[in-house]
C-alpha cells in the first residue's frame, strides 16, 4: 500500500501559524504591556482571514 503524502499547502499553513503563535507568545512574554494591542491585532487578523476565507 502507498502512503498518502501530506498536502504541502496545508503543511505550509500549519508551519506559518505555529511560527506566528510562537512570535506572538514571545512578544507577550517580553512586553506584557502590548497584550491588549496583540489581542486587537489578532481579532482583526481573524476577521480578515474569515472574510477572505484564507
Protein backbone atom coordinates (compact mmCIF):
# COMPACT_ATOMS: atom_id res chain seq x y z
CA UNK A 1 0.00 0.00 0.00
CA UNK A 2 1.16 3.51 -0.74
CA UNK A 3 1.28 6.08 1.99
CA UNK A 4 -0.59 9.29 1.35
CA UNK A 5 1.65 12.30 1.16
CA UNK A 6 0.54 15.28 3.27
CA UNK A 7 -0.79 18.24 1.35
CA UNK A 8 2.17 20.69 1.09
CA UNK A 9 -0.14 23.71 1.06
CA UNK A 10 -1.80 22.58 4.29
CA UNK A 11 1.57 21.89 5.92
CA UNK A 12 2.79 25.37 4.94
CA UNK A 13 -0.24 26.95 6.59
CA UNK A 14 0.35 24.93 9.75
CA UNK A 15 4.03 25.94 9.90
CA UNK A 16 3.23 29.63 9.33
CA UNK A 17 0.52 29.51 12.01
CA UNK A 18 2.93 27.90 14.51
CA UNK A 19 5.62 30.48 13.77
CA UNK A 20 3.05 33.26 14.26
CA UNK A 21 1.86 31.82 17.57
CA UNK A 22 5.44 31.48 18.78
CA UNK A 23 6.24 35.07 17.79
CA UNK A 24 3.11 36.48 19.46
CA UNK A 25 3.84 34.43 22.58
CA UNK A 26 7.41 35.70 22.69
CA UNK A 27 6.27 39.33 22.30
CA UNK A 28 3.61 38.85 25.02
CA UNK A 29 6.19 37.45 27.44
CA UNK A 30 8.81 40.06 26.59
CA UNK A 31 6.48 43.10 26.55
CA UNK A 32 3.41 42.40 28.74
CA UNK A 33 2.10 45.94 28.14
CA UNK A 34 1.44 45.02 24.49
CA UNK A 35 -1.05 42.23 25.28
CA UNK A 36 -4.13 44.45 24.64
CA UNK A 37 -2.68 45.57 21.29
CA UNK A 38 -1.86 41.97 20.38
CA UNK A 39 -5.44 40.97 21.21
CA UNK A 40 -6.87 43.68 18.93
CA UNK A 41 -4.43 42.74 16.16
CA UNK A 42 -5.36 39.05 16.47
CA UNK A 43 -9.08 39.87 16.32
CA UNK A 44 -8.54 42.00 13.19
CA UNK A 45 -6.44 39.26 11.57
CA UNK A 46 -9.08 36.61 12.28
CA UNK A 47 -11.82 38.85 10.88
CA UNK A 48 -9.81 39.36 7.69
CA UNK A 49 -8.99 35.65 7.45
CA UNK A 50 -12.67 34.75 7.73
CA UNK A 51 -13.67 37.49 5.30
CA UNK A 52 -11.08 36.39 2.73
CA UNK A 53 -11.54 32.67 3.56
CA UNK A 54 -7.80 32.08 3.89
